[in-house]
Amino acid sequence: MHLHDWGNLFWQQIKATDTLQWLAVTLGMVEVLLAKANKIALYPVGIAGTLISIYILLSVGLYAECFLNGYYLVMSIYGWWYWFKKRNSTPVTASYCNCKDWIIIVLIVAVSFMLLAFLLKYFTASTVPFWDAWVSATACAGMWLLSKRKIENWVLLNISNLFAIPLLVYKKLPLFAALTMFLFVVAIVGYYDWRKIIQQEKILY
């Protein structure tokens, strides 16, 4: 496909995107910016965007993506609760993963990848079950780390984004590939912002 064709496809997608889809995308962008700024408001914004996304994905029959968004919803609710319960004690701040965290990360990625790959390969018409499963598995681990305020969440989310961008291009979804590229850049900035927060906390304490 030539560059001109990609441009036409991109424009056609923009014209075909309804208000509800734009709202979901906008809320997703606001959520990641709030996460980069380490603000608790990321959770209610993310929950609203995820609920809308689940409705849209169900309406077009993308059930695997609905499952992943359902996971995002659960982890967002957990993260909001985890942060809120700490309001009268030590503030929830960003930190690095310890050995136990890394073990959990490996388990989340491995189990999620194998389960999703199996389901996509044998129970759906997916043409990229392993690729799709890897994107989802690493995103699951990243979301868990975000709920725990671990700086490595940006690393896992960007591993997912890095594989998701060419996957979306392959599936001829340049609009969503462009959005994922935006999230990729924001995650890089978020990592360095959180690192500054951690360094400042060390100085204060």
N, C-alpha and C. Protein backbone atom coordinates (compact mmCIF):
# COMPACT_ATOMS: atom_id res chain seq x y z
N MET A 1 0.85 -1.19 0.00
CA MET A 1 0.00 0.00 0.00
C MET A 1 0.89 1.24 0.00
N HIS A 2 0.60 2.20 -0.91
CA HIS A 2 1.39 3.40 -1.03
C HIS A 2 1.02 4.41 0.06
N LEU A 3 1.91 5.40 0.25
CA LEU A 3 1.69 6.42 1.26
C LEU A 3 0.38 7.15 1.01
N HIS A 4 0.07 7.41 -0.25
CA HIS A 4 -1.18 8.09 -0.60
C HIS A 4 -2.39 7.26 -0.16
N ASP A 5 -2.30 5.94 -0.32
CA ASP A 5 -3.39 5.06 0.08
C ASP A 5 -3.58 5.06 1.59
N TRP A 6 -2.44 5.07 2.32
CA TRP A 6 -2.52 5.13 3.78
C TRP A 6 -3.20 6.43 4.21
N GLY A 7 -2.86 7.53 3.52
CA GLY A 7 -3.47 8.82 3.85
C GLY A 7 -4.97 8.80 3.64
N ASN A 8 -5.40 8.19 2.53
CA ASN A 8 -6.84 8.08 2.26
C ASN A 8 -7.54 7.22 3.30
N LEU A 9 -6.90 6.09 3.68
CA LEU A 9 -7.49 5.21 4.68
C LEU A 9 -7.60 5.92 6.02
N PHE A 10 -6.54 6.67 6.38
CA PHE A 10 -6.54 7.42 7.63
C PHE A 10 -7.70 8.42 7.66
N TRP A 11 -7.89 9.14 6.55
CA TRP A 11 -8.96 10.13 6.48
C TRP A 11 -10.33 9.47 6.52
N GLN A 12 -10.48 8.33 5.86
CA GLN A 12 -11.75 7.61 5.87
C GLN A 12 -12.11 7.15 7.28
N GLN A 13 -11.09 6.72 8.04
CA GLN A 13 -11.34 6.30 9.42
C GLN A 13 -11.79 7.47 10.29
N ILE A 14 -11.18 8.63 10.08
CA ILE A 14 -11.57 9.81 10.85
C ILE A 14 -13.03 10.15 10.57
N LYS A 15 -13.42 10.14 9.30
CA LYS A 15 -14.79 10.48 8.94
C LYS A 15 -15.78 9.44 9.45
N ALA A 16 -15.33 8.20 9.59
CA ALA A 16 -16.23 7.12 10.02
C ALA A 16 -16.34 7.00 11.54
N THR A 17 -15.51 7.74 12.26
CA THR A 17 -15.50 7.64 13.72
C THR A 17 -16.61 8.47 14.32
N ASP A 18 -17.50 7.83 15.10
CA ASP A 18 -18.62 8.55 15.68
C ASP A 18 -18.22 9.22 17.00
N THR A 19 -19.16 9.99 17.56
CA THR A 19 -18.89 10.77 18.77
C THR A 19 -18.50 9.89 19.95
N LEU A 20 -19.17 8.75 20.09
CA LEU A 20 -18.89 7.87 21.22
C LEU A 20 -17.46 7.33 21.16
N GLN A 21 -17.00 7.00 19.95
CA GLN A 21 -15.64 6.51 19.81
C GLN A 21 -14.62 7.60 20.10
N TRP A 22 -14.88 8.80 19.64
CA TRP A 22 -13.98 9.91 19.94
C TRP A 22 -13.93 10.17 21.44
N LEU A 23 -15.05 10.04 22.12
CA LEU A 23 -15.10 10.24 23.57
C LEU A 23 -14.23 9.21 24.27
N ALA A 24 -14.33 7.95 23.83
CA ALA A 24 -13.52 6.89 24.42
C ALA A 24 -12.02 7.15 24.22
N VAL A 25 -11.66 7.56 22.99
CA VAL A 25 -10.26 7.85 22.69
C VAL A 25 -9.76 9.04 23.50
N THR A 26 -10.59 10.08 23.60
CA THR A 26 -10.20 11.27 24.36
C THR A 26 -9.99 10.95 25.83
N LEU A 27 -10.91 10.18 26.41
CA LEU A 27 -10.76 9.79 27.81
C LEU A 27 -9.51 8.95 28.01
N GLY A 28 -9.19 8.09 27.04
CA GLY A 28 -7.97 7.29 27.13
C GLY A 28 -6.72 8.15 27.12
N MET A 29 -6.72 9.19 26.29
CA MET A 29 -5.57 10.09 26.23
C MET A 29 -5.44 10.88 27.53
N VAL A 30 -6.57 11.35 28.06
CA VAL A 30 -6.54 12.09 29.32
C VAL A 30 -6.06 11.20 30.46
N GLU A 31 -6.50 9.94 30.44
CA GLU A 31 -6.08 9.00 31.49
C GLU A 31 -4.57 8.83 31.53
N VAL A 32 -3.95 8.62 30.37
CA VAL A 32 -2.51 8.38 30.35
C VAL A 32 -1.74 9.64 30.73
N LEU A 33 -2.27 10.82 30.40
CA LEU A 33 -1.62 12.07 30.81
C LEU A 33 -1.71 12.26 32.32
N LEU A 34 -2.86 11.88 32.90
CA LEU A 34 -3.00 11.94 34.36
C LEU A 34 -2.09 10.93 35.04
N ALA A 35 -1.94 9.77 34.42
CA ALA A 35 -1.03 8.75 34.98
C ALA A 35 0.40 9.26 34.94
N LYS A 36 0.77 9.92 33.84
CA LYS A 36 2.11 10.48 33.73
C LYS A 36 2.37 11.49 34.83
N ALA A 37 1.32 12.27 35.19
CA ALA A 37 1.43 13.28 36.22
C ALA A 37 1.24 12.71 37.62
N ASN A 38 1.01 11.38 37.71
CA ASN A 38 0.82 10.71 38.99
C ASN A 38 -0.39 11.25 39.76
N LYS A 39 -1.52 11.45 39.06
CA LYS A 39 -2.74 11.99 39.65
C LYS A 39 -3.79 10.89 39.80
N ILE A 40 -4.46 10.87 40.96
CA ILE A 40 -5.45 9.84 41.23
C ILE A 40 -6.65 9.94 40.29
N ALA A 41 -6.88 11.11 39.70
CA ALA A 41 -8.00 11.29 38.78
C ALA A 41 -7.91 10.39 37.56
N LEU A 42 -6.74 9.79 37.33
CA LEU A 42 -6.60 8.88 36.18
C LEU A 42 -7.59 7.72 36.27
N TYR A 43 -7.93 7.31 37.51
CA TYR A 43 -8.79 6.13 37.67
C TYR A 43 -10.24 6.38 37.27
N PRO A 44 -10.95 7.42 37.79
CA PRO A 44 -12.33 7.62 37.32
C PRO A 44 -12.41 7.93 35.83
N VAL A 45 -11.42 8.68 35.31
CA VAL A 45 -11.39 8.98 33.88
C VAL A 45 -11.19 7.69 33.08
N GLY A 46 -10.25 6.85 33.54
CA GLY A 46 -9.98 5.59 32.86
C GLY A 46 -11.16 4.64 32.91
N ILE A 47 -11.83 4.59 34.04
CA ILE A 47 -13.00 3.72 34.18
C ILE A 47 -14.10 4.14 33.21
N ALA A 48 -14.35 5.44 33.11
CA ALA A 48 -15.38 5.93 32.18
C ALA A 48 -15.02 5.57 30.74
N GLY A 49 -13.76 5.80 30.37
CA GLY A 49 -13.32 5.49 29.01
C GLY A 49 -13.38 4.01 28.71
N THR A 50 -13.04 3.18 29.69
CA THR A 50 -13.04 1.73 29.49
C THR A 50 -14.46 1.20 29.33
N LEU A 51 -15.40 1.72 30.11
CA LEU A 51 -16.79 1.28 30.00
C LEU A 51 -17.34 1.60 28.60
N ILE A 52 -17.02 2.79 28.10
CA ILE A 52 -17.46 3.15 26.76
C ILE A 52 -16.81 2.25 25.72
N SER A 53 -15.51 1.97 25.91
CA SER A 53 -14.78 1.12 24.96
C SER A 53 -15.36 -0.29 24.92
N ILE A 54 -15.71 -0.83 26.09
CA ILE A 54 -16.30 -2.17 26.14
C ILE A 54 -17.61 -2.20 25.37
N TYR A 55 -18.43 -1.17 25.52
CA TYR A 55 -19.71 -1.10 24.80
C TYR A 55 -19.48 -1.08 23.30
N ILE A 56 -18.50 -0.27 22.85
CA ILE A 56 -18.20 -0.16 21.42
C ILE A 56 -17.66 -1.48 20.88
N LEU A 57 -16.73 -2.10 21.62
CA LEU A 57 -16.12 -3.35 21.17
C LEU A 57 -17.15 -4.48 21.11
N LEU A 58 -18.07 -4.52 22.07
CA LEU A 58 -19.13 -5.53 22.04
C LEU A 58 -20.02 -5.34 20.81
N SER A 59 -20.28 -4.09 20.46
CA SER A 59 -21.18 -3.81 19.33
C SER A 59 -20.60 -4.27 18.00
N VAL A 60 -19.26 -4.39 17.91
CA VAL A 60 -18.63 -4.84 16.67
C VAL A 60 -18.08 -6.25 16.78
N GLY A 61 -18.34 -6.93 17.91
CA GLY A 61 -17.95 -8.33 18.06
C GLY A 61 -16.48 -8.59 18.33
N LEU A 62 -15.75 -7.61 18.89
CA LEU A 62 -14.34 -7.82 19.24
C LEU A 62 -14.26 -8.28 20.70
N TYR A 63 -14.54 -9.56 20.92
CA TYR A 63 -14.69 -10.08 22.27
C TYR A 63 -13.37 -10.20 23.03
N ALA A 64 -12.26 -10.51 22.34
CA ALA A 64 -10.97 -10.60 23.01
C ALA A 64 -10.55 -9.24 23.56
N GLU A 65 -10.76 -8.18 22.78
CA GLU A 65 -10.45 -6.84 23.23
C GLU A 65 -11.36 -6.42 24.38
N CYS A 66 -12.60 -6.92 24.37
CA CYS A 66 -13.51 -6.65 25.48
C CYS A 66 -12.97 -7.26 26.78
N PHE A 67 -12.41 -8.48 26.66
CA PHE A 67 -11.83 -9.13 27.83
C PHE A 67 -10.69 -8.29 28.40
N LEU A 68 -9.80 -7.80 27.53
CA LEU A 68 -8.67 -6.99 27.98
C LEU A 68 -9.16 -5.70 28.62
N ASN A 69 -10.15 -5.07 28.03
CA ASN A 69 -10.70 -3.86 28.62
C ASN A 69 -11.41 -4.13 29.94
N GLY A 70 -12.02 -5.32 30.04
CA GLY A 70 -12.60 -5.71 31.31
C GLY A 70 -11.54 -5.82 32.40
N TYR A 71 -10.37 -6.35 32.01
CA TYR A 71 -9.24 -6.43 32.94
C TYR A 71 -8.78 -5.04 33.34
N TYR A 72 -8.70 -4.13 32.36
CA TYR A 72 -8.34 -2.74 32.66
C TYR A 72 -9.32 -2.14 33.66
N LEU A 73 -10.59 -2.45 33.48
CA LEU A 73 -11.62 -1.91 34.37
C LEU A 73 -11.41 -2.40 35.80
N VAL A 74 -11.20 -3.70 35.96
CA VAL A 74 -10.99 -4.27 37.30
C VAL A 74 -9.74 -3.67 37.96
N MET A 75 -8.63 -3.58 37.19
CA MET A 75 -7.39 -3.06 37.75
C MET A 75 -7.50 -1.56 38.06
N SER A 76 -8.29 -0.84 37.29
CA SER A 76 -8.49 0.58 37.57
C SER A 76 -9.27 0.77 38.87
N ILE A 77 -10.31 -0.05 39.05
CA ILE A 77 -11.09 0.02 40.29
C ILE A 77 -10.20 -0.34 41.48
N TYR A 78 -9.38 -1.40 41.31
CA TYR A 78 -8.47 -1.81 42.38
C TYR A 78 -7.45 -0.71 42.67
N GLY A 79 -6.87 -0.13 41.62
CA GLY A 79 -5.87 0.92 41.80
C GLY A 79 -6.44 2.13 42.50
N TRP A 80 -7.68 2.51 42.14
CA TRP A 80 -8.35 3.64 42.77
C TRP A 80 -8.57 3.36 44.25
N TRP A 81 -9.06 2.15 44.54
CA TRP A 81 -9.28 1.77 45.94
C TRP A 81 -7.96 1.72 46.72
N TYR A 82 -6.93 1.15 46.11
CA TYR A 82 -5.63 1.00 46.76
C TYR A 82 -5.05 2.37 47.12
N TRP A 83 -5.19 3.31 46.18
CA TRP A 83 -4.68 4.66 46.42
C TRP A 83 -5.54 5.36 47.47
N PHE A 84 -6.88 5.26 47.36
CA PHE A 84 -7.79 5.98 48.24
C PHE A 84 -7.67 5.51 49.69
N LYS A 85 -7.44 4.23 49.90
CA LYS A 85 -7.37 3.71 51.27
C LYS A 85 -6.13 4.21 52.00
N LYS A 86 -5.15 4.72 51.23
CA LYS A 86 -3.93 5.24 51.82
C LYS A 86 -3.99 6.73 52.11
N ARG A 87 -5.16 7.34 51.95
CA ARG A 87 -5.26 8.80 52.03
C ARG A 87 -4.91 9.34 53.41
N ASN A 88 -5.16 8.55 54.47
CA ASN A 88 -4.87 9.02 55.83
C ASN A 88 -3.58 8.43 56.39
N SER A 89 -2.82 7.79 55.54
CA SER A 89 -1.55 7.23 55.97
C SER A 89 -0.46 7.70 55.01
N THR A 90 0.56 6.90 54.84
CA THR A 90 1.64 7.28 53.94
C THR A 90 1.12 7.41 52.51
N PRO A 91 1.35 8.55 51.85
CA PRO A 91 0.86 8.75 50.48
C PRO A 91 1.40 7.67 49.55
N VAL A 92 0.56 7.29 48.59
CA VAL A 92 0.99 6.32 47.60
C VAL A 92 1.90 7.04 46.60
N THR A 93 3.14 6.62 46.53
CA THR A 93 4.10 7.27 45.62
C THR A 93 4.68 6.24 44.66
N ALA A 94 5.31 6.75 43.65
CA ALA A 94 5.94 5.87 42.68
C ALA A 94 7.16 5.19 43.28
N SER A 95 7.44 3.97 42.84
CA SER A 95 8.59 3.23 43.35
C SER A 95 9.03 2.20 42.30
N TYR A 96 10.19 1.59 42.56
CA TYR A 96 10.71 0.55 41.67
C TYR A 96 10.22 -0.82 42.11
N CYS A 97 10.18 -1.76 41.18
CA CYS A 97 9.79 -3.13 41.48
C CYS A 97 10.86 -3.82 42.33
N ASN A 98 10.39 -4.70 43.22
CA ASN A 98 11.31 -5.56 43.95
C ASN A 98 11.27 -6.96 43.32
N CYS A 99 12.00 -7.88 43.91
CA CYS A 99 12.09 -9.23 43.36
C CYS A 99 10.72 -9.91 43.27
N LYS A 100 9.90 -9.73 44.32
CA LYS A 100 8.56 -10.33 44.33
C LYS A 100 7.71 -9.77 43.19
N ASP A 101 7.80 -8.46 42.98
CA ASP A 101 7.04 -7.84 41.89
C ASP A 101 7.42 -8.43 40.54
N TRP A 102 8.72 -8.64 40.32
CA TRP A 102 9.17 -9.17 39.04
C TRP A 102 8.69 -10.60 38.82
N ILE A 103 8.62 -11.38 39.89
CA ILE A 103 8.09 -12.74 39.77
C ILE A 103 6.63 -12.70 39.34
N ILE A 104 5.86 -11.79 39.95
CA ILE A 104 4.45 -11.64 39.60
C ILE A 104 4.30 -11.18 38.15
N ILE A 105 5.18 -10.25 37.73
CA ILE A 105 5.14 -9.75 36.35
C ILE A 105 5.34 -10.89 35.36
N VAL A 106 6.37 -11.70 35.61
CA VAL A 106 6.66 -12.83 34.72
C VAL A 106 5.48 -13.79 34.66
N LEU A 107 4.86 -14.05 35.80
CA LEU A 107 3.71 -14.95 35.85
C LEU A 107 2.52 -14.38 35.09
N ILE A 108 2.26 -13.09 35.28
CA ILE A 108 1.14 -12.45 34.58
C ILE A 108 1.33 -12.53 33.06
N VAL A 109 2.55 -12.19 32.61
CA VAL A 109 2.82 -12.21 31.17
C VAL A 109 2.73 -13.63 30.63
N ALA A 110 3.38 -14.59 31.30
CA ALA A 110 3.42 -15.97 30.81
C ALA A 110 2.03 -16.60 30.77
N VAL A 111 1.31 -16.50 31.88
CA VAL A 111 -0.02 -17.12 31.96
C VAL A 111 -0.99 -16.45 31.01
N SER A 112 -0.98 -15.12 30.99
CA SER A 112 -1.88 -14.39 30.10
C SER A 112 -1.59 -14.71 28.63
N PHE A 113 -0.31 -14.75 28.28
CA PHE A 113 0.06 -15.03 26.89
C PHE A 113 -0.41 -16.42 26.47
N MET A 114 -0.12 -17.43 27.28
CA MET A 114 -0.49 -18.80 26.92
C MET A 114 -2.00 -18.97 26.84
N LEU A 115 -2.71 -18.39 27.81
CA LEU A 115 -4.17 -18.53 27.83
C LEU A 115 -4.81 -17.81 26.65
N LEU A 116 -4.40 -16.57 26.42
CA LEU A 116 -4.98 -15.80 25.33
C LEU A 116 -4.62 -16.38 23.96
N ALA A 117 -3.37 -16.83 23.81
CA ALA A 117 -2.96 -17.43 22.54
C ALA A 117 -3.79 -18.68 22.24
N PHE A 118 -4.01 -19.50 23.27
CA PHE A 118 -4.81 -20.72 23.11
C PHE A 118 -6.25 -20.38 22.71
N LEU A 119 -6.85 -19.42 23.43
CA LEU A 119 -8.23 -19.05 23.14
C LEU A 119 -8.38 -18.42 21.76
N LEU A 120 -7.44 -17.53 21.41
CA LEU A 120 -7.52 -16.88 20.11
C LEU A 120 -7.29 -17.85 18.96
N LYS A 121 -6.38 -18.79 19.16
CA LYS A 121 -6.04 -19.73 18.09
C LYS A 121 -7.14 -20.76 17.84
N TYR A 122 -7.72 -21.27 18.93
CA TYR A 122 -8.66 -22.38 18.78
C TYR A 122 -10.13 -22.00 18.91
N PHE A 123 -10.43 -20.79 19.38
CA PHE A 123 -11.83 -20.43 19.58
C PHE A 123 -12.23 -19.13 18.89
N THR A 124 -11.32 -18.55 18.09
CA THR A 124 -11.66 -17.36 17.32
C THR A 124 -11.11 -17.51 15.90
N ALA A 125 -11.44 -16.54 15.07
CA ALA A 125 -10.93 -16.54 13.70
C ALA A 125 -9.70 -15.65 13.56
N SER A 126 -9.03 -15.38 14.65
CA SER A 126 -7.86 -14.49 14.63
C SER A 126 -6.78 -15.01 13.68
N THR A 127 -6.21 -14.10 12.88
CA THR A 127 -5.11 -14.46 11.99
C THR A 127 -3.75 -14.17 12.62
N VAL A 128 -3.76 -13.54 13.79
CA VAL A 128 -2.50 -13.21 14.49
C VAL A 128 -2.65 -13.53 15.98
N PRO A 129 -2.98 -14.77 16.33
CA PRO A 129 -3.27 -15.08 17.74
C PRO A 129 -2.10 -14.85 18.68
N PHE A 130 -0.88 -15.21 18.27
CA PHE A 130 0.26 -15.08 19.17
C PHE A 130 0.70 -13.62 19.31
N TRP A 131 0.67 -12.89 18.21
CA TRP A 131 1.00 -11.47 18.23
C TRP A 131 0.01 -10.71 19.10
N ASP A 132 -1.27 -10.98 18.87
CA ASP A 132 -2.33 -10.31 19.62
C ASP A 132 -2.24 -10.67 21.10
N ALA A 133 -1.95 -11.94 21.39
CA ALA A 133 -1.85 -12.40 22.77
C ALA A 133 -0.69 -11.72 23.49
N TRP A 134 0.43 -11.55 22.79
CA TRP A 134 1.61 -10.91 23.40
C TRP A 134 1.32 -9.45 23.76
N VAL A 135 0.66 -8.74 22.85
CA VAL A 135 0.29 -7.35 23.11
C VAL A 135 -0.58 -7.26 24.36
N SER A 136 -1.56 -8.14 24.46
CA SER A 136 -2.48 -8.12 25.59
C SER A 136 -1.81 -8.55 26.89
N ALA A 137 -0.95 -9.56 26.83
CA ALA A 137 -0.30 -10.08 28.03
C ALA A 137 0.62 -9.04 28.66
N THR A 138 1.41 -8.36 27.85
CA THR A 138 2.31 -7.33 28.38
C THR A 138 1.53 -6.12 28.88
N ALA A 139 0.40 -5.83 28.23
CA ALA A 139 -0.45 -4.73 28.69
C ALA A 139 -1.06 -5.07 30.05
N CYS A 140 -1.45 -6.33 30.24
CA CYS A 140 -2.00 -6.76 31.53
C CYS A 140 -0.99 -6.54 32.65
N ALA A 141 0.26 -6.92 32.41
CA ALA A 141 1.31 -6.75 33.41
C ALA A 141 1.55 -5.27 33.68
N GLY A 142 1.55 -4.46 32.63
CA GLY A 142 1.76 -3.03 32.80
C GLY A 142 0.66 -2.38 33.61
N MET A 143 -0.58 -2.79 33.38
CA MET A 143 -1.70 -2.22 34.12
C MET A 143 -1.64 -2.60 35.59
N TRP A 144 -1.21 -3.83 35.88
CA TRP A 144 -1.06 -4.23 37.28
C TRP A 144 0.01 -3.38 37.97
N LEU A 145 1.10 -3.12 37.28
CA LEU A 145 2.16 -2.29 37.85
C LEU A 145 1.69 -0.86 38.05
N LEU A 146 0.87 -0.35 37.13
CA LEU A 146 0.34 1.00 37.28
C LEU A 146 -0.51 1.10 38.53
N SER A 147 -1.32 0.08 38.79
CA SER A 147 -2.17 0.09 39.99
C SER A 147 -1.35 0.09 41.27
N LYS A 148 -0.13 -0.46 41.21
CA LYS A 148 0.76 -0.51 42.37
C LYS A 148 1.74 0.66 42.41
N ARG A 149 1.60 1.59 41.44
CA ARG A 149 2.45 2.78 41.34
C ARG A 149 3.92 2.41 41.13
N LYS A 150 4.18 1.38 40.34
CA LYS A 150 5.54 0.95 40.03
C LYS A 150 5.98 1.57 38.71
N ILE A 151 7.18 2.16 38.71
CA ILE A 151 7.67 2.88 37.54
C ILE A 151 7.82 1.98 36.31
N GLU A 152 8.07 0.70 36.56
CA GLU A 152 8.24 -0.22 35.43
C GLU A 152 6.96 -0.45 34.63
N ASN A 153 5.83 0.09 35.12
CA ASN A 153 4.59 -0.04 34.35
C ASN A 153 4.76 0.59 32.97
N TRP A 154 5.55 1.68 32.89
CA TRP A 154 5.76 2.35 31.61
C TRP A 154 6.56 1.46 30.66
N VAL A 155 7.46 0.68 31.21
CA VAL A 155 8.27 -0.22 30.38
C VAL A 155 7.38 -1.32 29.79
N LEU A 156 6.57 -1.95 30.63
CA LEU A 156 5.70 -3.04 30.14
C LEU A 156 4.65 -2.51 29.17
N LEU A 157 4.09 -1.35 29.49
CA LEU A 157 3.09 -0.78 28.58
C LEU A 157 3.71 -0.41 27.24
N ASN A 158 4.96 0.02 27.26
CA ASN A 158 5.59 0.38 25.99
C ASN A 158 6.06 -0.84 25.20
N ILE A 159 6.35 -1.93 25.88
CA ILE A 159 6.60 -3.18 25.16
C ILE A 159 5.33 -3.56 24.41
N SER A 160 4.18 -3.45 25.09
CA SER A 160 2.90 -3.73 24.46
C SER A 160 2.65 -2.78 23.29
N ASN A 161 2.90 -1.48 23.53
CA ASN A 161 2.69 -0.48 22.48
C ASN A 161 3.59 -0.74 21.27
N LEU A 162 4.84 -1.12 21.54
CA LEU A 162 5.81 -1.33 20.47
C LEU A 162 5.35 -2.43 19.52
N PHE A 163 4.74 -3.47 20.06
CA PHE A 163 4.23 -4.56 19.22
C PHE A 163 2.85 -4.23 18.66
N ALA A 164 2.10 -3.38 19.38
CA ALA A 164 0.74 -3.05 18.94
C ALA A 164 0.75 -2.15 17.71
N ILE A 165 1.72 -1.25 17.62
CA ILE A 165 1.75 -0.31 16.49
C ILE A 165 1.81 -1.03 15.15
N PRO A 166 2.80 -1.92 14.92
CA PRO A 166 2.82 -2.62 13.62
C PRO A 166 1.63 -3.57 13.45
N LEU A 167 1.11 -4.10 14.56
CA LEU A 167 -0.06 -4.97 14.47
C LEU A 167 -1.26 -4.19 13.94
N LEU A 168 -1.45 -2.97 14.46
CA LEU A 168 -2.56 -2.14 14.01
C LEU A 168 -2.38 -1.70 12.56
N VAL A 169 -1.13 -1.42 12.18
CA VAL A 169 -0.87 -1.07 10.78
C VAL A 169 -1.17 -2.26 9.87
N TYR A 170 -0.75 -3.46 10.31
CA TYR A 170 -1.01 -4.68 9.55
C TYR A 170 -2.51 -4.92 9.38
N LYS A 171 -3.27 -4.56 10.42
CA LYS A 171 -4.72 -4.72 10.36
C LYS A 171 -5.41 -3.54 9.69
N LYS A 172 -4.60 -2.63 9.11
CA LYS A 172 -5.13 -1.47 8.39
C LYS A 172 -5.97 -0.57 9.28
N LEU A 173 -5.42 -0.30 10.48
CA LEU A 173 -6.06 0.62 11.43
C LEU A 173 -5.07 1.73 11.79
N PRO A 174 -4.73 2.58 10.80
CA PRO A 174 -3.72 3.61 11.04
C PRO A 174 -4.10 4.63 12.11
N LEU A 175 -5.40 4.92 12.26
CA LEU A 175 -5.83 5.87 13.28
C LEU A 175 -5.46 5.37 14.67
N PHE A 176 -5.73 4.09 14.94
CA PHE A 176 -5.40 3.52 16.23
C PHE A 176 -3.91 3.31 16.40
N ALA A 177 -3.21 3.07 15.30
CA ALA A 177 -1.75 2.98 15.35
C ALA A 177 -1.15 4.32 15.74
N ALA A 178 -1.72 5.42 15.20
CA ALA A 178 -1.25 6.76 15.54
C ALA A 178 -1.51 7.06 17.01
N LEU A 179 -2.66 6.65 17.52
CA LEU A 179 -2.98 6.85 18.94
C LEU A 179 -2.00 6.07 19.81
N THR A 180 -1.69 4.84 19.41
CA THR A 180 -0.75 4.03 20.17
C THR A 180 0.64 4.63 20.15
N MET A 181 1.03 5.24 19.03
CA MET A 181 2.31 5.93 18.96
C MET A 181 2.34 7.09 19.95
N PHE A 182 1.22 7.81 20.06
CA PHE A 182 1.11 8.89 21.05
C PHE A 182 1.30 8.34 22.46
N LEU A 183 0.64 7.22 22.75
CA LEU A 183 0.78 6.61 24.07
C LEU A 183 2.21 6.14 24.32
N PHE A 184 2.88 5.69 23.27
CA PHE A 184 4.27 5.26 23.38
C PHE A 184 5.15 6.42 23.81
N VAL A 185 4.97 7.57 23.19
CA VAL A 185 5.77 8.75 23.53
C VAL A 185 5.46 9.23 24.94
N VAL A 186 4.17 9.26 25.29
CA VAL A 186 3.77 9.69 26.63
C VAL A 186 4.36 8.78 27.70
N ALA A 187 4.41 7.47 27.41
CA ALA A 187 4.96 6.52 28.37
C ALA A 187 6.45 6.76 28.62
N ILE A 188 7.17 7.14 27.57
CA ILE A 188 8.59 7.45 27.74
C ILE A 188 8.75 8.66 28.65
N VAL A 189 7.96 9.70 28.40
CA VAL A 189 8.01 10.90 29.24
C VAL A 189 7.57 10.55 30.66
N GLY A 190 6.52 9.71 30.77
CA GLY A 190 6.02 9.31 32.08
C GLY A 190 7.07 8.60 32.90
N TYR A 191 7.84 7.75 32.25
CA TYR A 191 8.91 7.02 32.96
C TYR A 191 9.89 7.99 33.59
N TYR A 192 10.34 8.97 32.83
CA TYR A 192 11.33 9.92 33.35
C TYR A 192 10.74 10.85 34.40
N ASP A 193 9.45 11.19 34.25
CA ASP A 193 8.78 12.01 35.27
C ASP A 193 8.69 11.25 36.58
N TRP A 194 8.31 9.98 36.50
CA TRP A 194 8.21 9.17 37.71
C TRP A 194 9.58 8.95 38.35
N ARG A 195 10.62 8.83 37.53
CA ARG A 195 11.96 8.66 38.07
C ARG A 195 12.37 9.90 38.88
N LYS A 196 11.98 11.08 38.40
CA LYS A 196 12.25 12.31 39.14
C LYS A 196 11.51 12.32 40.46
N ILE A 197 10.25 11.84 40.43
CA ILE A 197 9.45 11.78 41.65
C ILE A 197 10.12 10.88 42.68
N ILE A 198 10.58 9.72 42.24
CA ILE A 198 11.24 8.77 43.13
C ILE A 198 12.52 9.38 43.71
N GLN A 199 13.29 10.06 42.88
CA GLN A 199 14.53 10.68 43.35
C GLN A 199 14.24 11.78 44.36
N GLN A 200 13.18 12.55 44.13
CA GLN A 200 12.80 13.60 45.07
C GLN A 200 12.34 13.03 46.40
N GLU A 201 11.61 11.91 46.34
CA GLU A 201 11.17 11.25 47.56
C GLU A 201 12.36 10.76 48.39
N LYS A 202 13.38 10.25 47.71
CA LYS A 202 14.57 9.78 48.41
C LYS A 202 15.28 10.94 49.12
N ILE A 203 15.29 12.11 48.47
CA ILE A 203 15.93 13.27 49.07
C ILE A 203 15.17 13.75 50.30
N LEU A 204 13.80 13.71 50.18
CA LEU A 204 12.96 14.18 51.29
C LEU A 204 13.02 13.25 52.49
N TYR A 205 13.15 11.94 52.21
CA TYR A 205 13.10 10.97 53.31
C TYR A 205 14.44 10.33 53.56
